[in-house]
Amino acid sequence: PALFHRRSRRDFRNAVLSRWPIEQDAKLVLPHPSRHARTHRI
């Protein structure tokens, strides 16, 4: 997840699905927060 959506009261962002085994995973926080909410994309 990257943010908590207050209206729906759920976390949201990105997923990777694979037919092969996932050996490692990571959350990469991207630069430049939102001008308004100050949240970061990932």
PDB file of all heavy atoms in Angstrom:
ATOM      1  N   PRO A   1       0.828  -1.206   0.000  1.00  0.00           N
ATOM      2  CA  PRO A   1       0.000   0.000   0.000  1.00  0.00           C
ATOM      3  C   PRO A   1       0.862   1.256   0.000  1.00  0.00           C
ATOM      4  O   PRO A   1       2.039   1.214   0.369  1.00  0.00           O
ATOM      5  CB  PRO A   1      -0.779  -0.124   1.319  1.00  0.00           C
ATOM      6  CG  PRO A   1       0.188  -0.823   2.228  1.00  0.00           C
ATOM      7  CD  PRO A   1       0.956  -1.786   1.347  1.00  0.00           C
ATOM      8  N   ALA A   2       0.253   2.361  -0.398  1.00  0.00           N
ATOM      9  CA  ALA A   2       0.936   3.652  -0.347  1.00  0.00           C
ATOM     10  C   ALA A   2       0.111   4.707   0.376  1.00  0.00           C
ATOM     11  O   ALA A   2       0.660   5.680   0.879  1.00  0.00           O
ATOM     12  CB  ALA A   2       1.265   4.136  -1.753  1.00  0.00           C
ATOM     13  N   LEU A   3      -1.206   4.533   0.412  1.00  0.00           N
ATOM     14  CA  LEU A   3      -2.054   5.539   1.050  1.00  0.00           C
ATOM     15  C   LEU A   3      -3.278   4.875   1.647  1.00  0.00           C
ATOM     16  O   LEU A   3      -3.668   3.770   1.264  1.00  0.00           O
ATOM     17  CB  LEU A   3      -2.470   6.633   0.065  1.00  0.00           C
ATOM     18  CG  LEU A   3      -3.266   6.245  -1.196  1.00  0.00           C
ATOM     19  CD1 LEU A   3      -4.760   6.165  -0.893  1.00  0.00           C
ATOM     20  CD2 LEU A   3      -3.027   7.232  -2.306  1.00  0.00           C
ATOM     21  N   PHE A   4      -3.879   5.574   2.598  1.00  0.00           N
ATOM     22  CA  PHE A   4      -5.133   5.142   3.203  1.00  0.00           C
ATOM     23  C   PHE A   4      -6.238   6.045   2.682  1.00  0.00           C
ATOM     24  O   PHE A   4      -6.195   7.269   2.849  1.00  0.00           O
ATOM     25  CB  PHE A   4      -5.055   5.229   4.730  1.00  0.00           C
ATOM     26  CG  PHE A   4      -6.311   4.784   5.427  1.00  0.00           C
ATOM     27  CD1 PHE A   4      -6.621   3.432   5.515  1.00  0.00           C
ATOM     28  CD2 PHE A   4      -7.191   5.708   5.971  1.00  0.00           C
ATOM     29  CE1 PHE A   4      -7.781   3.004   6.161  1.00  0.00           C
ATOM     30  CE2 PHE A   4      -8.345   5.299   6.610  1.00  0.00           C
ATOM     31  CZ  PHE A   4      -8.640   3.947   6.708  1.00  0.00           C
ATOM     32  N   HIS A   5      -7.218   5.440   1.986  1.00  0.00           N
ATOM     33  CA  HIS A   5      -8.315   6.188   1.394  1.00  0.00           C
ATOM     34  C   HIS A   5      -9.403   6.374   2.445  1.00  0.00           C
ATOM     35  O   HIS A   5     -10.056   5.409   2.860  1.00  0.00           O
ATOM     36  CB  HIS A   5      -8.859   5.423   0.179  1.00  0.00           C
ATOM     37  CG  HIS A   5      -9.771   6.229  -0.681  1.00  0.00           C
ATOM     38  ND1 HIS A   5     -11.140   6.091  -0.647  1.00  0.00           N
ATOM     39  CD2 HIS A   5      -9.504   7.190  -1.608  1.00  0.00           C
ATOM     40  CE1 HIS A   5     -11.683   6.923  -1.518  1.00  0.00           C
ATOM     41  NE2 HIS A   5     -10.711   7.596  -2.113  1.00  0.00           N
ATOM     42  N   ARG A   6      -9.579   7.595   2.902  1.00  0.00           N
ATOM     43  CA  ARG A   6     -10.466   7.834   4.045  1.00  0.00           C
ATOM     44  C   ARG A   6     -11.920   7.507   3.741  1.00  0.00           C
ATOM     45  O   ARG A   6     -12.644   7.002   4.604  1.00  0.00           O
ATOM     46  CB  ARG A   6     -10.337   9.295   4.493  1.00  0.00           C
ATOM     47  CG  ARG A   6      -8.962   9.630   5.064  1.00  0.00           C
ATOM     48  CD  ARG A   6      -8.877  11.067   5.508  1.00  0.00           C
ATOM     49  NE  ARG A   6      -7.551  11.371   6.062  1.00  0.00           N
ATOM     50  CZ  ARG A   6      -7.214  12.583   6.480  1.00  0.00           C
ATOM     51  NH1 ARG A   6      -8.077  13.590   6.409  1.00  0.00           N
ATOM     52  NH2 ARG A   6      -5.990  12.789   6.965  1.00  0.00           N
ATOM     53  N   ARG A   7     -12.360   7.776   2.532  1.00  0.00           N
ATOM     54  CA  ARG A   7     -13.773   7.541   2.220  1.00  0.00           C
ATOM     55  C   ARG A   7     -14.108   6.052   2.247  1.00  0.00           C
ATOM     56  O   ARG A   7     -15.126   5.643   2.817  1.00  0.00           O
ATOM     57  CB  ARG A   7     -14.116   8.140   0.856  1.00  0.00           C
ATOM     58  CG  ARG A   7     -15.589   8.012   0.485  1.00  0.00           C
ATOM     59  CD  ARG A   7     -15.882   8.736  -0.823  1.00  0.00           C
ATOM     60  NE  ARG A   7     -15.561  10.159  -0.719  1.00  0.00           N
ATOM     61  CZ  ARG A   7     -15.624  11.008  -1.749  1.00  0.00           C
ATOM     62  NH1 ARG A   7     -15.973  10.570  -2.944  1.00  0.00           N
ATOM     63  NH2 ARG A   7     -15.331  12.277  -1.587  1.00  0.00           N
ATOM     64  N   SER A   8     -13.251   5.237   1.649  1.00  0.00           N
ATOM     65  CA  SER A   8     -13.509   3.795   1.618  1.00  0.00           C
ATOM     66  C   SER A   8     -12.894   3.070   2.817  1.00  0.00           C
ATOM     67  O   SER A   8     -13.200   1.902   3.049  1.00  0.00           O
ATOM     68  CB  SER A   8     -12.955   3.185   0.335  1.00  0.00           C
ATOM     69  OG  SER A   8     -11.543   3.291   0.308  1.00  0.00           O
ATOM     70  N   ARG A   9     -12.012   3.772   3.546  1.00  0.00           N
ATOM     71  CA  ARG A   9     -11.330   3.213   4.716  1.00  0.00           C
ATOM     72  C   ARG A   9     -10.528   1.960   4.346  1.00  0.00           C
ATOM     73  O   ARG A   9     -10.560   0.946   5.040  1.00  0.00           O
ATOM     74  CB  ARG A   9     -12.321   2.925   5.855  1.00  0.00           C
ATOM     75  CG  ARG A   9     -13.111   4.146   6.293  1.00  0.00           C
ATOM     76  CD  ARG A   9     -13.839   3.913   7.600  1.00  0.00           C
ATOM     77  NE  ARG A   9     -12.899   3.648   8.688  1.00  0.00           N
ATOM     78  CZ  ARG A   9     -12.206   4.593   9.336  1.00  0.00           C
ATOM     79  NH1 ARG A   9     -12.335   5.871   8.989  1.00  0.00           N
ATOM     80  NH2 ARG A   9     -11.398   4.259  10.327  1.00  0.00           N
ATOM     81  N   ARG A  10      -9.804   2.066   3.234  1.00  0.00           N
ATOM     82  CA  ARG A  10      -8.947   0.972   2.787  1.00  0.00           C
ATOM     83  C   ARG A  10      -7.602   1.532   2.332  1.00  0.00           C
ATOM     84  O   ARG A  10      -7.501   2.681   1.910  1.00  0.00           O
ATOM     85  CB  ARG A  10      -9.589   0.215   1.618  1.00  0.00           C
ATOM     86  CG  ARG A  10     -10.807  -0.610   1.998  1.00  0.00           C
ATOM     87  CD  ARG A  10     -11.293  -1.411   0.799  1.00  0.00           C
ATOM     88  NE  ARG A  10     -11.874  -0.544  -0.220  1.00  0.00           N
ATOM     89  CZ  ARG A  10     -12.107  -0.917  -1.489  1.00  0.00           C
ATOM     90  NH1 ARG A  10     -11.788  -2.135  -1.879  1.00  0.00           N
ATOM     91  NH2 ARG A  10     -12.666  -0.089  -2.342  1.00  0.00           N
ATOM     92  N   ASP A  11      -6.556   0.677   2.414  1.00  0.00           N
ATOM     93  CA  ASP A  11      -5.260   0.996   1.829  1.00  0.00           C
ATOM     94  C   ASP A  11      -5.310   0.716   0.331  1.00  0.00           C
ATOM     95  O   ASP A  11      -6.008  -0.198  -0.112  1.00  0.00           O
ATOM     96  CB  ASP A  11      -4.163   0.136   2.461  1.00  0.00           C
ATOM     97  CG  ASP A  11      -3.920   0.493   3.915  1.00  0.00           C
ATOM     98  OD1 ASP A  11      -3.892   1.692   4.216  1.00  0.00           O
ATOM     99  OD2 ASP A  11      -3.774  -0.428   4.722  1.00  0.00           O
ATOM    100  N   PHE A  12      -4.507   1.479  -0.433  1.00  0.00           N
ATOM    101  CA  PHE A  12      -4.470   1.274  -1.880  1.00  0.00           C
ATOM    102  C   PHE A  12      -3.063   1.436  -2.429  1.00  0.00           C
ATOM    103  O   PHE A  12      -2.252   2.176  -1.891  1.00  0.00           O
ATOM    104  CB  PHE A  12      -5.377   2.282  -2.605  1.00  0.00           C
ATOM    105  CG  PHE A  12      -6.824   1.971  -2.491  1.00  0.00           C
ATOM    106  CD1 PHE A  12      -7.609   2.658  -1.586  1.00  0.00           C
ATOM    107  CD2 PHE A  12      -7.408   0.978  -3.257  1.00  0.00           C
ATOM    108  CE1 PHE A  12      -8.956   2.373  -1.462  1.00  0.00           C
ATOM    109  CE2 PHE A  12      -8.753   0.681  -3.138  1.00  0.00           C
ATOM    110  CZ  PHE A  12      -9.525   1.387  -2.241  1.00  0.00           C
ATOM    111  N   ARG A  13      -2.779   0.737  -3.505  1.00  0.00           N
ATOM    112  CA  ARG A  13      -1.727   1.001  -4.466  1.00  0.00           C
ATOM    113  C   ARG A  13      -1.481  -0.185  -5.376  1.00  0.00           C
ATOM    114  O   ARG A  13      -2.399  -0.619  -6.035  1.00  0.00           O
ATOM    115  CB  ARG A  13      -0.443   1.501  -3.832  1.00  0.00           C
ATOM    116  CG  ARG A  13       0.397   2.350  -4.826  1.00  0.00           C
ATOM    117  CD  ARG A  13      -0.407   3.344  -5.646  1.00  0.00           C
ATOM    118  NE  ARG A  13      -0.742   4.582  -4.975  1.00  0.00           N
ATOM    119  CZ  ARG A  13      -1.800   5.335  -5.343  1.00  0.00           C
ATOM    120  NH1 ARG A  13      -2.585   4.960  -6.318  1.00  0.00           N
ATOM    121  NH2 ARG A  13      -2.059   6.462  -4.730  1.00  0.00           N
ATOM    122  N   ASN A  14      -0.274  -0.796  -5.381  1.00  0.00           N
ATOM    123  CA  ASN A  14       0.115  -1.642  -6.507  1.00  0.00           C
ATOM    124  C   ASN A  14       0.378  -3.090  -6.117  1.00  0.00           C
ATOM    125  O   ASN A  14       0.824  -3.385  -5.012  1.00  0.00           O
ATOM    126  CB  ASN A  14       1.390  -1.084  -7.155  1.00  0.00           C
ATOM    127  CG  ASN A  14       1.293   0.399  -7.407  1.00  0.00           C
ATOM    128  OD1 ASN A  14       0.295   0.877  -7.932  1.00  0.00           O
ATOM    129  ND2 ASN A  14       2.309   1.136  -7.005  1.00  0.00           N
ATOM    130  N   ALA A  15       0.135  -3.985  -7.080  1.00  0.00           N
ATOM    131  CA  ALA A  15       0.389  -5.414  -6.885  1.00  0.00           C
ATOM    132  C   ALA A  15       1.090  -5.999  -8.101  1.00  0.00           C
ATOM    133  O   ALA A  15       0.901  -5.525  -9.226  1.00  0.00           O
ATOM    134  CB  ALA A  15      -0.923  -6.170  -6.629  1.00  0.00           C
ATOM    135  N   VAL A  16       1.894  -7.024  -7.855  1.00  0.00           N
ATOM    136  CA  VAL A  16       2.515  -7.834  -8.907  1.00  0.00           C
ATOM    137  C   VAL A  16       2.027  -9.267  -8.727  1.00  0.00           C
ATOM    138  O   VAL A  16       2.113  -9.822  -7.629  1.00  0.00           O
ATOM    139  CB  VAL A  16       4.051  -7.799  -8.829  1.00  0.00           C
ATOM    140  CG1 VAL A  16       4.656  -8.801  -9.808  1.00  0.00           C
ATOM    141  CG2 VAL A  16       4.583  -6.402  -9.104  1.00  0.00           C
ATOM    142  N   LEU A  17       1.510  -9.850  -9.800  1.00  0.00           N
ATOM    143  CA  LEU A  17       1.089 -11.254  -9.812  1.00  0.00           C
ATOM    144  C   LEU A  17       1.979 -12.003 -10.790  1.00  0.00           C
ATOM    145  O   LEU A  17       2.306 -11.473 -11.860  1.00  0.00           O
ATOM    146  CB  LEU A  17      -0.366 -11.386 -10.243  1.00  0.00           C
ATOM    147  CG  LEU A  17      -1.476 -11.074  -9.239  1.00  0.00           C
ATOM    148  CD1 LEU A  17      -1.366  -9.681  -8.660  1.00  0.00           C
ATOM    149  CD2 LEU A  17      -2.838 -11.257  -9.895  1.00  0.00           C
ATOM    150  N   SER A  18       2.360 -13.243 -10.444  1.00  0.00           N
ATOM    151  CA  SER A  18       3.293 -13.992 -11.282  1.00  0.00           C
ATOM    152  C   SER A  18       2.961 -15.478 -11.268  1.00  0.00           C
ATOM    153  O   SER A  18       2.603 -16.033 -10.230  1.00  0.00           O
ATOM    154  CB  SER A  18       4.726 -13.792 -10.777  1.00  0.00           C
ATOM    155  OG  SER A  18       5.618 -14.687 -11.412  1.00  0.00           O
ATOM    156  N   ARG A  19       3.116 -16.120 -12.426  1.00  0.00           N
ATOM    157  CA  ARG A  19       2.949 -17.578 -12.505  1.00  0.00           C
ATOM    158  C   ARG A  19       4.170 -18.310 -11.965  1.00  0.00           C
ATOM    159  O   ARG A  19       4.116 -19.508 -11.740  1.00  0.00           O
ATOM    160  CB  ARG A  19       2.685 -18.015 -13.939  1.00  0.00           C
ATOM    161  CG  ARG A  19       1.342 -17.578 -14.457  1.00  0.00           C
ATOM    162  CD  ARG A  19       0.761 -18.524 -15.479  1.00  0.00           C
ATOM    163  NE  ARG A  19      -0.518 -18.007 -15.931  1.00  0.00           N
ATOM    164  CZ  ARG A  19      -1.664 -18.178 -15.307  1.00  0.00           C
ATOM    165  NH1 ARG A  19      -1.687 -18.866 -14.177  1.00  0.00           N
ATOM    166  NH2 ARG A  19      -2.786 -17.660 -15.781  1.00  0.00           N
ATOM    167  N   TRP A  20       5.279 -17.580 -11.794  1.00  0.00           N
ATOM    168  CA  TRP A  20       6.497 -18.185 -11.268  1.00  0.00           C
ATOM    169  C   TRP A  20       6.742 -17.716  -9.844  1.00  0.00           C
ATOM    170  O   TRP A  20       6.199 -16.711  -9.398  1.00  0.00           O
ATOM    171  CB  TRP A  20       7.680 -17.817 -12.170  1.00  0.00           C
ATOM    172  CG  TRP A  20       7.510 -18.340 -13.547  1.00  0.00           C
ATOM    173  CD1 TRP A  20       7.667 -19.626 -13.974  1.00  0.00           C
ATOM    174  CD2 TRP A  20       7.105 -17.592 -14.703  1.00  0.00           C
ATOM    175  NE1 TRP A  20       7.398 -19.724 -15.318  1.00  0.00           N
ATOM    176  CE2 TRP A  20       7.051 -18.492 -15.796  1.00  0.00           C
ATOM    177  CE3 TRP A  20       6.809 -16.249 -14.936  1.00  0.00           C
ATOM    178  CZ2 TRP A  20       6.704 -18.103 -17.078  1.00  0.00           C
ATOM    179  CZ3 TRP A  20       6.453 -15.847 -16.209  1.00  0.00           C
ATOM    180  CH2 TRP A  20       6.399 -16.772 -17.269  1.00  0.00           C
ATOM    181  N   PRO A  21       7.597 -18.435  -9.109  1.00  0.00           N
ATOM    182  CA  PRO A  21       7.833 -18.072  -7.711  1.00  0.00           C
ATOM    183  C   PRO A  21       8.410 -16.669  -7.552  1.00  0.00           C
ATOM    184  O   PRO A  21       9.284 -16.253  -8.317  1.00  0.00           O
ATOM    185  CB  PRO A  21       8.841 -19.130  -7.241  1.00  0.00           C
ATOM    186  CG  PRO A  21       8.663 -20.277  -8.175  1.00  0.00           C
ATOM    187  CD  PRO A  21       8.293 -19.677  -9.493  1.00  0.00           C
ATOM    188  N   ILE A  22       7.912 -15.959  -6.565  1.00  0.00           N
ATOM    189  CA  ILE A  22       8.447 -14.657  -6.188  1.00  0.00           C
ATOM    190  C   ILE A  22       9.462 -14.893  -5.076  1.00  0.00           C
ATOM    191  O   ILE A  22       9.106 -15.313  -3.978  1.00  0.00           O
ATOM    192  CB  ILE A  22       7.332 -13.703  -5.736  1.00  0.00           C
ATOM    193  CG1 ILE A  22       6.374 -13.422  -6.903  1.00  0.00           C
ATOM    194  CG2 ILE A  22       7.922 -12.395  -5.200  1.00  0.00           C
ATOM    195  CD1 ILE A  22       5.152 -12.609  -6.520  1.00  0.00           C
ATOM    196  N   GLU A  23      10.735 -14.601  -5.372  1.00  0.00           N
ATOM    197  CA  GLU A  23      11.801 -14.895  -4.418  1.00  0.00           C
ATOM    198  C   GLU A  23      12.047 -13.749  -3.458  1.00  0.00           C
ATOM    199  O   GLU A  23      12.467 -13.962  -2.310  1.00  0.00           O
ATOM    200  CB  GLU A  23      13.086 -15.244  -5.166  1.00  0.00           C
ATOM    201  CG  GLU A  23      12.965 -16.510  -6.019  1.00  0.00           C
ATOM    202  CD  GLU A  23      14.273 -16.933  -6.629  1.00  0.00           C
ATOM    203  OE1 GLU A  23      15.143 -16.049  -6.842  1.00  0.00           O
ATOM    204  OE2 GLU A  23      14.450 -18.135  -6.882  1.00  0.00           O
ATOM    205  N   GLN A  24      11.845 -12.532  -3.917  1.00  0.00           N
ATOM    206  CA  GLN A  24      12.025 -11.344  -3.083  1.00  0.00           C
ATOM    207  C   GLN A  24      10.989 -10.306  -3.488  1.00  0.00           C
ATOM    208  O   GLN A  24      10.468 -10.323  -4.608  1.00  0.00           O
ATOM    209  CB  GLN A  24      13.421 -10.737  -3.259  1.00  0.00           C
ATOM    210  CG  GLN A  24      14.560 -11.608  -2.770  1.00  0.00           C
ATOM    211  CD  GLN A  24      15.905 -10.945  -2.997  1.00  0.00           C
ATOM    212  OE1 GLN A  24      16.145 -10.321  -4.030  1.00  0.00           O
ATOM    213  NE2 GLN A  24      16.796 -11.066  -2.023  1.00  0.00           N
ATOM    214  N   ASP A  25      10.691  -9.392  -2.570  1.00  0.00           N
ATOM    215  CA  ASP A  25       9.797  -8.284  -2.921  1.00  0.00           C
ATOM    216  C   ASP A  25      10.190  -7.057  -2.123  1.00  0.00           C
ATOM    217  O   ASP A  25      10.896  -7.152  -1.115  1.00  0.00           O
ATOM    218  CB  ASP A  25       8.332  -8.664  -2.679  1.00  0.00           C
ATOM    219  CG  ASP A  25       8.061  -9.062  -1.245  1.00  0.00           C
ATOM    220  OD1 ASP A  25       7.913  -8.172  -0.399  1.00  0.00           O
ATOM    221  OD2 ASP A  25       7.993 -10.281  -0.962  1.00  0.00           O
ATOM    222  N   ALA A  26       9.747  -5.889  -2.594  1.00  0.00           N
ATOM    223  CA  ALA A  26      10.120  -4.637  -1.931  1.00  0.00           C
ATOM    224  C   ALA A  26       9.112  -3.550  -2.269  1.00  0.00           C
ATOM    225  O   ALA A  26       8.442  -3.592  -3.307  1.00  0.00           O
ATOM    226  CB  ALA A  26      11.521  -4.201  -2.358  1.00  0.00           C
ATOM    227  N   LYS A  27       9.043  -2.580  -1.373  1.00  0.00           N
ATOM    228  CA  LYS A  27       8.256  -1.371  -1.588  1.00  0.00           C
ATOM    229  C   LYS A  27       9.227  -0.243  -1.895  1.00  0.00           C
ATOM    230  O   LYS A  27      10.053   0.117  -1.055  1.00  0.00           O
ATOM    231  CB  LYS A  27       7.433  -1.057  -0.346  1.00  0.00           C
ATOM    232  CG  LYS A  27       6.616   0.234  -0.432  1.00  0.00           C
ATOM    233  CD  LYS A  27       5.821   0.405   0.856  1.00  0.00           C
ATOM    234  CE  LYS A  27       4.988   1.674   0.842  1.00  0.00           C
ATOM    235  NZ  LYS A  27       4.156   1.796   2.077  1.00  0.00           N
ATOM    236  N   LEU A  28       9.154   0.295  -3.103  1.00  0.00           N
ATOM    237  CA  LEU A  28      10.050   1.363  -3.535  1.00  0.00           C
ATOM    238  C   LEU A  28       9.310   2.695  -3.456  1.00  0.00           C
ATOM    239  O   LEU A  28       8.362   2.936  -4.214  1.00  0.00           O
ATOM    240  CB  LEU A  28      10.521   1.092  -4.971  1.00  0.00           C
ATOM    241  CG  LEU A  28      11.507   2.085  -5.593  1.00  0.00           C
ATOM    242  CD1 LEU A  28      12.799   2.113  -4.802  1.00  0.00           C
ATOM    243  CD2 LEU A  28      11.768   1.724  -7.046  1.00  0.00           C
ATOM    244  N   VAL A  29       9.696   3.547  -2.515  1.00  0.00           N
ATOM    245  CA  VAL A  29       9.045   4.850  -2.344  1.00  0.00           C
ATOM    246  C   VAL A  29       9.635   5.822  -3.357  1.00  0.00           C
ATOM    247  O   VAL A  29      10.859   5.999  -3.443  1.00  0.00           O
ATOM    248  CB  VAL A  29       9.240   5.377  -0.912  1.00  0.00           C
ATOM    249  CG1 VAL A  29       8.584   6.752  -0.761  1.00  0.00           C
ATOM    250  CG2 VAL A  29       8.644   4.393   0.094  1.00  0.00           C
ATOM    251  N   LEU A  30       8.779   6.452  -4.137  1.00  0.00           N
ATOM    252  CA  LEU A  30       9.213   7.321  -5.228  1.00  0.00           C
ATOM    253  C   LEU A  30       9.339   8.775  -4.760  1.00  0.00           C
ATOM    254  O   LEU A  30       8.671   9.195  -3.811  1.00  0.00           O
ATOM    255  CB  LEU A  30       8.226   7.222  -6.387  1.00  0.00           C
ATOM    256  CG  LEU A  30       7.985   5.814  -6.924  1.00  0.00           C
ATOM    257  CD1 LEU A  30       7.031   5.855  -8.113  1.00  0.00           C
ATOM    258  CD2 LEU A  30       9.305   5.137  -7.322  1.00  0.00           C
ATOM    259  N   PRO A  31      10.182   9.559  -5.432  1.00  0.00           N
ATOM    260  CA  PRO A  31      10.359  10.960  -5.040  1.00  0.00           C
ATOM    261  C   PRO A  31       9.146  11.814  -5.405  1.00  0.00           C
ATOM    262  O   PRO A  31       8.271  11.385  -6.152  1.00  0.00           O
ATOM    263  CB  PRO A  31      11.589  11.383  -5.850  1.00  0.00           C
ATOM    264  CG  PRO A  31      11.577  10.485  -7.058  1.00  0.00           C
ATOM    265  CD  PRO A  31      11.046   9.160  -6.564  1.00  0.00           C
ATOM    266  N   HIS A  32       9.111  13.028  -4.856  1.00  0.00           N
ATOM    267  CA  HIS A  32       8.116  14.054  -5.159  1.00  0.00           C
ATOM    268  C   HIS A  32       6.721  13.718  -4.614  1.00  0.00           C
ATOM    269  O   HIS A  32       5.899  13.105  -5.302  1.00  0.00           O
ATOM    270  CB  HIS A  32       8.030  14.316  -6.662  1.00  0.00           C
ATOM    271  CG  HIS A  32       9.339  14.684  -7.286  1.00  0.00           C
ATOM    272  ND1 HIS A  32      10.029  15.834  -6.943  1.00  0.00           N
ATOM    273  CD2 HIS A  32      10.103  14.045  -8.210  1.00  0.00           C
ATOM    274  CE1 HIS A  32      11.149  15.903  -7.642  1.00  0.00           C
ATOM    275  NE2 HIS A  32      11.222  14.822  -8.417  1.00  0.00           N
ATOM    276  N   PRO A  33       6.441  14.108  -3.382  1.00  0.00           N
ATOM    277  CA  PRO A  33       5.103  13.885  -2.822  1.00  0.00           C
ATOM    278  C   PRO A  33       4.058  14.736  -3.526  1.00  0.00           C
ATOM    279  O   PRO A  33       4.375  15.734  -4.192  1.00  0.00           O
ATOM    280  CB  PRO A  33       5.252  14.300  -1.359  1.00  0.00           C
ATOM    281  CG  PRO A  33       6.375  15.299  -1.376  1.00  0.00           C
ATOM    282  CD  PRO A  33       7.324  14.810  -2.437  1.00  0.00           C
ATOM    283  N   SER A  34       2.802  14.352  -3.366  1.00  0.00           N
ATOM    284  CA  SER A  34       1.674  15.100  -3.911  1.00  0.00           C
ATOM    285  C   SER A  34       1.662  16.528  -3.373  1.00  0.00           C
ATOM    286  O   SER A  34       1.923  16.760  -2.188  1.00  0.00           O
ATOM    287  CB  SER A  34       0.369  14.394  -3.540  1.00  0.00           C
ATOM    288  OG  SER A  34      -0.730  15.254  -3.671  1.00  0.00           O
ATOM    289  N   ARG A  35       1.347  17.475  -4.233  1.00  0.00           N
ATOM    290  CA  ARG A  35       1.262  18.881  -3.808  1.00  0.00           C
ATOM    291  C   ARG A  35       0.210  19.076  -2.717  1.00  0.00           C
ATOM    292  O   ARG A  35       0.343  19.933  -1.856  1.00  0.00           O
ATOM    293  CB  ARG A  35       0.888  19.763  -4.991  1.00  0.00           C
ATOM    294  CG  ARG A  35       1.912  19.871  -6.098  1.00  0.00           C
ATOM    295  CD  ARG A  35       1.487  20.953  -7.083  1.00  0.00           C
ATOM    296  NE  ARG A  35       2.393  21.028  -8.215  1.00  0.00           N
ATOM    297  CZ  ARG A  35       2.123  20.572  -9.428  1.00  0.00           C
ATOM    298  NH1 ARG A  35       0.954  19.964  -9.649  1.00  0.00           N
ATOM    299  NH2 ARG A  35       2.981  20.697 -10.410  1.00  0.00           N
ATOM    300  N   HIS A  36      -0.849  18.282  -2.778  1.00  0.00           N
ATOM    301  CA  HIS A  36      -2.008  18.518  -1.916  1.00  0.00           C
ATOM    302  C   HIS A  36      -2.000  17.612  -0.681  1.00  0.00           C
ATOM    303  O   HIS A  36      -2.013  18.101   0.447  1.00  0.00           O
ATOM    304  CB  HIS A  36      -3.296  18.321  -2.722  1.00  0.00           C
ATOM    305  CG  HIS A  36      -3.320  19.118  -3.988  1.00  0.00           C
ATOM    306  ND1 HIS A  36      -3.441  20.495  -3.995  1.00  0.00           N
ATOM    307  CD2 HIS A  36      -3.204  18.738  -5.298  1.00  0.00           C
ATOM    308  CE1 HIS A  36      -3.410  20.923  -5.245  1.00  0.00           C
ATOM    309  NE2 HIS A  36      -3.269  19.879  -6.048  1.00  0.00           N
ATOM    310  N   ALA A  37      -1.956  16.313  -0.876  1.00  0.00           N
ATOM    311  CA  ALA A  37      -2.039  15.380   0.252  1.00  0.00           C
ATOM    312  C   ALA A  37      -0.682  15.090   0.875  1.00  0.00           C
ATOM    313  O   ALA A  37      -0.613  14.531   1.980  1.00  0.00           O
ATOM    314  CB  ALA A  37      -2.666  14.070  -0.209  1.00  0.00           C
ATOM    315  N   ARG A  38       0.418  15.450   0.182  1.00  0.00           N
ATOM    316  CA  ARG A  38       1.777  15.183   0.641  1.00  0.00           C
ATOM    317  C   ARG A  38       2.073  13.686   0.764  1.00  0.00           C
ATOM    318  O   ARG A  38       2.958  13.283   1.502  1.00  0.00           O
ATOM    319  CB  ARG A  38       2.068  15.887   1.976  1.00  0.00           C
ATOM    320  CG  ARG A  38       1.783  17.375   1.979  1.00  0.00           C
ATOM    321  CD  ARG A  38       2.467  18.112   0.848  1.00  0.00           C
ATOM    322  NE  ARG A  38       3.922  18.040   0.938  1.00  0.00           N
ATOM    323  CZ  ARG A  38       4.745  18.458  -0.026  1.00  0.00           C
ATOM    324  NH1 ARG A  38       4.253  18.958  -1.168  1.00  0.00           N
ATOM    325  NH2 ARG A  38       6.045  18.371   0.139  1.00  0.00           N
ATOM    326  N   THR A  39       1.323  12.864   0.055  1.00  0.00           N
ATOM    327  CA  THR A  39       1.568  11.425   0.044  1.00  0.00           C
ATOM    328  C   THR A  39       2.567  11.077  -1.056  1.00  0.00           C
ATOM    329  O   THR A  39       2.703  11.804  -2.044  1.00  0.00           O
ATOM    330  CB  THR A  39       0.270  10.645  -0.191  1.00  0.00           C
ATOM    331  OG1 THR A  39      -0.357  11.120  -1.398  1.00  0.00           O
ATOM    332  CG2 THR A  39      -0.684  10.828   0.983  1.00  0.00           C
ATOM    333  N   HIS A  40       3.257   9.951  -0.888  1.00  0.00           N
ATOM    334  CA  HIS A  40       4.248   9.503  -1.856  1.00  0.00           C
ATOM    335  C   HIS A  40       3.701   8.352  -2.694  1.00  0.00           C
ATOM    336  O   HIS A  40       3.045   7.449  -2.177  1.00  0.00           O
ATOM    337  CB  HIS A  40       5.517   9.031  -1.149  1.00  0.00           C
ATOM    338  CG  HIS A  40       6.421  10.146  -0.728  1.00  0.00           C
ATOM    339  ND1 HIS A  40       7.442  10.625  -1.515  1.00  0.00           N
ATOM    340  CD2 HIS A  40       6.435  10.875   0.408  1.00  0.00           C
ATOM    341  CE1 HIS A  40       8.064  11.603  -0.889  1.00  0.00           C
ATOM    342  NE2 HIS A  40       7.471  11.772   0.287  1.00  0.00           N
ATOM    343  N   ARG A  41       4.008   8.377  -3.971  1.00  0.00           N
ATOM    344  CA  ARG A  41       3.729   7.241  -4.843  1.00  0.00           C
ATOM    345  C   ARG A  41       4.798   6.171  -4.630  1.00  0.00           C
ATOM    346  O   ARG A  41       5.903   6.465  -4.166  1.00  0.00           O
ATOM    347  CB  ARG A  41       3.720   7.686  -6.305  1.00  0.00           C
ATOM    348  CG  ARG A  41       2.638   8.720  -6.643  1.00  0.00           C
ATOM    349  CD  ARG A  41       1.286   8.072  -6.731  1.00  0.00           C
ATOM    350  NE  ARG A  41       0.221   9.056  -6.857  1.00  0.00           N
ATOM    351  CZ  ARG A  41      -0.874   8.870  -7.583  1.00  0.00           C
ATOM    352  NH1 ARG A  41      -1.045   7.733  -8.240  1.00  0.00           N
ATOM    353  NH2 ARG A  41      -1.806   9.790  -7.636  1.00  0.00           N
ATOM    354  N   ILE A  42       4.461   4.935  -4.991  1.00  0.00           N
ATOM    355  CA  ILE A  42       5.400   3.826  -4.810  1.00  0.00           C
ATOM    356  C   ILE A  42       5.426   2.949  -6.052  1.00  0.00           C
ATOM    357  O   ILE A  42       4.563   3.051  -6.931  1.00  0.00           O
ATOM    358  CB  ILE A  42       5.028   2.952  -3.601  1.00  0.00           C
ATOM    359  CG1 ILE A  42       3.739   2.156  -3.889  1.00  0.00           C
ATOM    360  CG2 ILE A  42       4.900   3.772  -2.324  1.00  0.00           C
ATOM    361  CD1 ILE A  42       3.549   0.944  -3.004  1.00  0.00           C
TER     362      ILE A  42
END
